[in-house]
Amino acid sequence: MAFQDALFEPVPIRVGIIDSETATQWHVQSLLDADADVRVTEVHGTGSAAVEALRREPVDILFLDAALADMDGFQVLQDAGSACAQAVVFMNAREEHALHAFEAGALDYLLKPLVPQRFVQVLGRAKEHVRRERIQHLVVQLAGMVKALPEPSRAPRYLDRLAIREVGRVTLLSVDDVDWMAAEDNYVQVHVGGRGHLLRQPLRELEARLDPERFVRIHRSTLVNLQRVKELRPLLHGEYQVILRDRTTLKLSRGYRERLGLLMAQG
């Protein structure tokens, strides 16, 4: 329990004493005063006063007489609500209430007159119960906070290499080495250093897997590597010639003029 002690030591365990006998109140209070972990916040001699106080301010541990002057302790719990205490310890001079006490969810049952050693043992169990409840509550809170956090943004993973399947072999091409690509039905002609490689994949599917900041479509059938663009020359009707560093000449069609800014930034 060292971790629990360190975690909750700054927060005292709040204790309530409900008993019609003043002598019992003082006895319980004196036993609790010897424990630095607890603080008595409620002391009442009647059930009606206890119900009102517990509704207003619940406690962690409740020492409750099973038979008060104005009502029994079970009625106090019912009227105050299940949230009035995390751990309930019933007290009474008669054993006959013990079964009802445990049926009501009591942590323990103390016979009067109270035996200090037995009281300290029960108090220790009640404190452990409260600490476990606090840890569980904290775990639930933290889980809720983590769940509420936005998902970390992840950069899309784009292709780094292209696998060109040829007879008897598979050639791996780095996308950095690609100059441009042209659609041929359901295939793509990948141009690298003056050579063409046929990739069995539609251009639209390949484009979706390439980094759009590196490869731009300039025609319905053409993708170009922005790093290879050297020069742009305007043509008629809003079209442009796109000249690559190896002097390959491509056409930017009018339907893709919105890509012109990207080309100029790289050209």
Protein backbone atom coordinates (compact mmCIF):
# COMPACT_ATOMS: atom_id res chain seq x y z
CA MET A 1 0.00 0.00 0.00
CA ALA A 2 3.01 2.33 -0.12
CA PHE A 3 1.92 3.75 -3.49
CA GLN A 4 -1.60 4.39 -2.24
CA ASP A 5 -0.32 6.08 0.91
CA ALA A 6 1.91 8.37 -1.13
CA LEU A 7 -0.89 9.15 -3.56
CA PHE A 8 -3.60 9.98 -1.06
CA GLU A 9 -1.72 11.15 2.03
CA PRO A 10 -2.51 14.84 1.37
CA VAL A 11 -6.27 14.09 1.32
CA PRO A 12 -7.58 13.07 4.76
CA ILE A 13 -10.18 10.34 5.05
CA ARG A 14 -13.43 11.92 6.22
CA VAL A 15 -15.25 10.05 8.98
CA GLY A 16 -18.77 10.40 10.37
CA ILE A 17 -20.01 9.17 13.76
CA ILE A 18 -23.73 8.59 14.23
CA ASP A 19 -24.71 7.30 17.66
CA SER A 20 -27.35 8.27 20.21
CA GLU A 21 -24.99 7.60 23.12
CA THR A 22 -22.67 10.49 23.89
CA ALA A 23 -20.23 8.13 25.61
CA THR A 24 -19.91 6.07 22.43
CA GLN A 25 -19.42 9.22 20.37
CA TRP A 26 -16.55 10.32 22.61
CA HIS A 27 -15.03 6.84 22.64
CA VAL A 28 -15.03 6.56 18.86
CA GLN A 29 -13.72 10.10 18.51
CA SER A 30 -10.83 9.39 20.89
CA LEU A 31 -9.87 6.27 18.94
CA LEU A 32 -9.99 8.18 15.67
CA ASP A 33 -7.93 11.06 17.06
CA ALA A 34 -4.99 8.66 17.33
CA ASP A 35 -5.00 8.10 13.56
CA ALA A 36 -3.43 10.91 11.51
CA ASP A 37 -5.01 9.65 8.27
CA VAL A 38 -8.59 10.44 9.28
CA ARG A 39 -10.57 13.55 10.13
CA VAL A 40 -13.95 13.47 11.85
CA THR A 41 -16.32 15.72 9.90
CA GLU A 42 -19.74 14.61 11.18
CA VAL A 43 -20.96 13.70 14.69
CA HIS A 44 -24.69 13.28 15.23
CA GLY A 45 -26.95 11.75 17.86
CA THR A 46 -30.12 11.39 15.79
CA GLY A 47 -30.89 9.79 12.48
CA SER A 48 -32.78 12.77 11.12
CA ALA A 49 -29.83 15.12 11.69
CA ALA A 50 -27.48 12.53 10.19
CA VAL A 51 -29.58 12.13 7.04
CA GLU A 52 -29.63 15.86 6.40
CA ALA A 53 -25.87 16.21 6.97
CA LEU A 54 -24.91 13.19 4.87
CA ARG A 55 -27.04 14.35 1.97
CA ARG A 56 -25.24 17.69 2.11
CA GLU A 57 -21.72 16.33 2.61
CA PRO A 58 -21.00 12.58 2.25
CA VAL A 59 -18.16 10.97 4.20
CA ASP A 60 -15.62 8.29 3.37
CA ILE A 61 -16.20 6.11 6.45
CA LEU A 62 -19.38 6.06 8.54
CA PHE A 63 -19.59 4.55 12.03
CA LEU A 64 -23.32 4.10 12.50
CA ASP A 65 -25.40 2.77 15.38
CA ALA A 66 -27.86 0.18 14.11
CA ALA A 67 -30.57 1.41 16.51
CA LEU A 68 -30.73 5.18 17.05
CA ALA A 69 -33.20 6.95 19.31
CA ASP A 70 -35.42 8.24 16.49
CA MET A 71 -34.82 5.62 13.74
CA ASP A 72 -32.63 2.63 12.99
CA GLY A 73 -29.34 3.00 11.15
CA PHE A 74 -30.66 1.11 8.14
CA GLN A 75 -33.30 3.77 7.59
CA VAL A 76 -30.57 6.42 7.82
CA LEU A 77 -28.69 4.75 4.97
CA GLN A 78 -31.82 4.41 2.90
CA ASP A 79 -32.84 8.04 3.37
CA ALA A 80 -29.33 9.47 2.96
CA GLY A 81 -28.65 7.45 -0.20
CA SER A 82 -26.00 4.95 -1.19
CA ALA A 83 -23.49 7.72 -1.95
CA CYS A 84 -23.45 9.01 1.62
CA ALA A 85 -20.42 6.88 2.57
CA GLN A 86 -17.90 4.65 0.84
CA ALA A 87 -17.52 2.32 3.84
CA VAL A 88 -20.15 1.78 6.56
CA VAL A 89 -19.40 0.14 9.90
CA PHE A 90 -22.44 -0.60 12.06
CA MET A 91 -22.20 -0.56 15.85
CA ASN A 92 -24.58 -1.94 18.48
CA ALA A 93 -24.64 -3.82 21.76
CA ARG A 94 -26.80 -6.58 20.27
CA GLU A 95 -25.66 -9.16 17.72
CA GLU A 96 -29.10 -9.57 16.18
CA HIS A 97 -28.61 -6.60 13.82
CA ALA A 98 -25.40 -8.01 12.31
CA LEU A 99 -27.03 -10.04 9.53
CA HIS A 100 -29.16 -7.09 8.45
CA ALA A 101 -26.06 -4.89 8.54
CA PHE A 102 -24.14 -7.09 6.11
CA GLU A 103 -27.19 -7.44 3.90
CA ALA A 104 -27.21 -3.62 3.75
CA GLY A 105 -23.64 -3.67 2.44
CA ALA A 106 -21.80 -2.90 5.69
CA LEU A 107 -18.05 -3.36 5.72
CA ASP A 108 -18.14 -4.68 9.30
CA TYR A 109 -20.13 -4.83 12.53
CA LEU A 110 -18.77 -3.77 15.94
CA LEU A 111 -20.25 -4.91 19.21
CA LYS A 112 -20.52 -2.49 22.13
CA PRO A 113 -18.74 -1.86 24.34
CA LEU A 114 -16.11 -1.23 21.69
CA VAL A 115 -12.80 -3.06 22.01
CA PRO A 116 -10.00 -0.66 20.92
CA GLN A 117 -7.90 -3.35 19.23
CA ARG A 118 -10.87 -4.62 17.22
CA PHE A 119 -11.89 -1.03 16.35
CA VAL A 120 -8.39 -0.24 15.02
CA GLN A 121 -8.44 -3.39 12.87
CA VAL A 122 -11.82 -2.47 11.36
CA LEU A 123 -10.70 1.13 10.83
CA GLY A 124 -7.64 -0.15 8.94
CA ARG A 125 -9.85 -2.25 6.65
CA ALA A 126 -12.15 0.70 6.05
CA LYS A 127 -9.21 2.95 5.15
CA GLU A 128 -7.91 0.36 2.67
CA HIS A 129 -11.37 0.15 1.13
CA VAL A 130 -11.56 3.94 0.72
CA ARG A 131 -8.11 4.09 -0.83
CA ARG A 132 -8.98 1.38 -3.34
CA GLU A 133 -12.14 3.24 -4.25
CA ARG A 134 -10.16 6.44 -4.73
CA ILE A 135 -7.65 4.72 -6.97
CA GLN A 136 -10.44 3.14 -9.01
CA HIS A 137 -12.13 6.52 -9.37
CA LEU A 138 -8.84 8.08 -10.45
CA VAL A 139 -8.28 5.34 -13.03
CA VAL A 140 -11.76 5.91 -14.47
CA GLN A 141 -11.13 9.67 -14.62
CA LEU A 142 -7.79 9.24 -16.34
CA ALA A 143 -9.30 6.78 -18.81
CA GLY A 144 -11.99 9.31 -19.64
CA MET A 145 -9.41 12.05 -20.11
CA VAL A 146 -7.30 9.88 -22.39
CA LYS A 147 -10.38 8.89 -24.40
CA ALA A 148 -11.31 12.55 -24.79
CA LEU A 149 -7.90 13.47 -26.18
CA PRO A 150 -7.81 14.02 -29.94
CA GLU A 151 -6.17 11.34 -31.97
CA PRO A 152 -2.57 12.25 -32.75
CA SER A 153 -2.27 13.42 -36.30
CA ARG A 154 -0.40 10.97 -38.44
CA ALA A 155 1.15 11.96 -41.73
CA PRO A 156 -0.09 9.77 -44.59
CA ARG A 157 2.32 7.05 -45.60
CA TYR A 158 3.15 7.43 -49.26
CA LEU A 159 5.02 5.07 -51.56
CA ASP A 160 8.79 5.20 -51.40
CA ARG A 161 9.41 2.58 -54.07
CA LEU A 162 7.64 1.10 -57.08
CA ALA A 163 7.77 -2.62 -57.83
CA ILE A 164 8.08 -3.20 -61.59
CA ARG A 165 7.29 -6.83 -62.45
CA GLU A 166 9.07 -8.08 -65.53
CA VAL A 167 9.72 -11.54 -66.91
CA GLY A 168 11.81 -13.41 -64.39
CA ARG A 169 12.40 -10.48 -62.04
CA VAL A 170 10.98 -7.60 -60.03
CA THR A 171 12.73 -4.23 -60.31
CA LEU A 172 12.39 -1.82 -57.37
CA LEU A 173 12.46 1.84 -58.38
CA SER A 174 12.78 4.69 -55.90
CA VAL A 175 10.06 7.27 -56.50
CA ASP A 176 12.74 9.95 -56.13
CA ASP A 177 14.27 8.68 -59.38
CA VAL A 178 11.04 8.91 -61.36
CA ASP A 179 10.87 11.77 -63.90
CA TRP A 180 7.26 11.45 -65.02
CA MET A 181 4.48 8.91 -65.60
CA ALA A 182 1.95 8.38 -68.36
CA ALA A 183 -1.26 6.37 -68.31
CA GLU A 184 -1.72 3.57 -70.83
CA ASP A 185 -5.18 2.06 -70.26
CA ASN A 186 -4.88 0.18 -66.95
CA TYR A 187 -1.09 0.49 -66.94
CA VAL A 188 1.38 3.26 -66.18
CA GLN A 189 4.53 3.97 -68.13
CA VAL A 190 7.10 5.05 -65.52
CA HIS A 191 9.91 7.14 -67.01
CA VAL A 192 13.27 7.06 -65.25
CA GLY A 193 16.40 8.54 -66.81
CA GLY A 194 15.17 8.14 -70.36
CA ARG A 195 13.91 4.58 -69.86
CA GLY A 196 10.30 3.45 -69.57
CA HIS A 197 9.03 0.78 -67.16
CA LEU A 198 5.53 -0.64 -67.37
CA LEU A 199 3.66 -0.75 -64.06
CA ARG A 200 0.50 -2.84 -63.92
CA GLN A 201 -1.68 -0.34 -62.08
CA PRO A 202 -4.14 2.39 -63.15
CA LEU A 203 -2.76 5.92 -62.92
CA ARG A 204 -5.55 7.15 -60.60
CA GLU A 205 -4.73 4.42 -58.06
CA LEU A 206 -1.03 5.13 -58.23
CA GLU A 207 -1.58 8.89 -57.84
CA ALA A 208 -3.53 8.33 -54.60
CA ARG A 209 -0.49 6.57 -53.11
CA LEU A 210 2.07 9.19 -54.11
CA ASP A 211 2.96 12.31 -52.13
CA PRO A 212 0.98 15.18 -53.75
CA GLU A 213 3.75 17.59 -52.81
CA ARG A 214 6.15 15.61 -54.99
CA PHE A 215 3.99 14.38 -57.89
CA VAL A 216 1.42 16.54 -59.69
CA ARG A 217 -1.02 15.62 -62.44
CA ILE A 218 -0.68 18.06 -65.34
CA HIS A 219 -2.88 16.14 -67.79
CA ARG A 220 -5.52 13.46 -67.40
CA SER A 221 -2.88 10.93 -68.42
CA THR A 222 0.32 12.52 -67.04
CA LEU A 223 1.97 12.83 -63.61
CA VAL A 224 5.22 14.73 -63.23
CA ASN A 225 7.86 14.78 -60.51
CA LEU A 226 8.03 18.43 -59.39
CA GLN A 227 11.76 18.14 -58.76
CA ARG A 228 12.29 17.43 -62.46
CA VAL A 229 10.50 20.57 -63.74
CA LYS A 230 12.94 23.08 -65.25
CA GLU A 231 10.84 25.45 -67.37
CA LEU A 232 7.26 26.46 -68.20
CA ARG A 233 6.25 27.98 -71.55
CA PRO A 234 2.75 29.37 -72.13
CA LEU A 235 0.79 28.11 -75.13
CA LEU A 236 -2.57 29.10 -76.54
CA HIS A 237 -5.87 28.70 -74.70
CA GLY A 238 -4.31 28.61 -71.21
CA GLU A 239 -2.11 25.59 -71.80
CA TYR A 240 1.62 25.36 -71.00
CA GLN A 241 4.62 23.39 -72.06
CA VAL A 242 6.34 21.72 -69.11
CA ILE A 243 10.00 21.15 -69.86
CA LEU A 244 11.90 18.76 -67.61
CA ARG A 245 15.60 18.87 -66.78
CA ASP A 246 16.33 16.11 -69.32
CA ARG A 247 14.58 18.29 -71.99
CA THR A 248 11.48 16.09 -72.09
CA THR A 249 8.55 18.27 -73.11
CA LEU A 250 5.09 17.62 -71.63
CA LYS A 251 1.83 19.56 -71.75
CA LEU A 252 -0.10 21.15 -68.89
CA SER A 253 -3.69 21.03 -70.16
CA ARG A 254 -6.17 23.80 -69.45
CA GLY A 255 -8.17 21.56 -67.10
CA TYR A 256 -5.21 21.36 -64.72
CA ARG A 257 -4.27 25.05 -64.57
CA GLU A 258 -4.80 25.08 -60.80
CA ARG A 259 -1.59 23.03 -60.57
CA LEU A 260 0.39 25.84 -62.16
CA GLY A 261 1.29 27.39 -58.78
CA LEU A 262 2.91 24.15 -57.62
CA LEU A 263 4.90 23.89 -60.82
CA MET A 264 6.13 27.49 -60.59
CA ALA A 265 7.18 26.97 -56.99
CA GLN A 266 9.33 24.05 -58.04
CA GLY A 267 10.42 25.15 -61.47
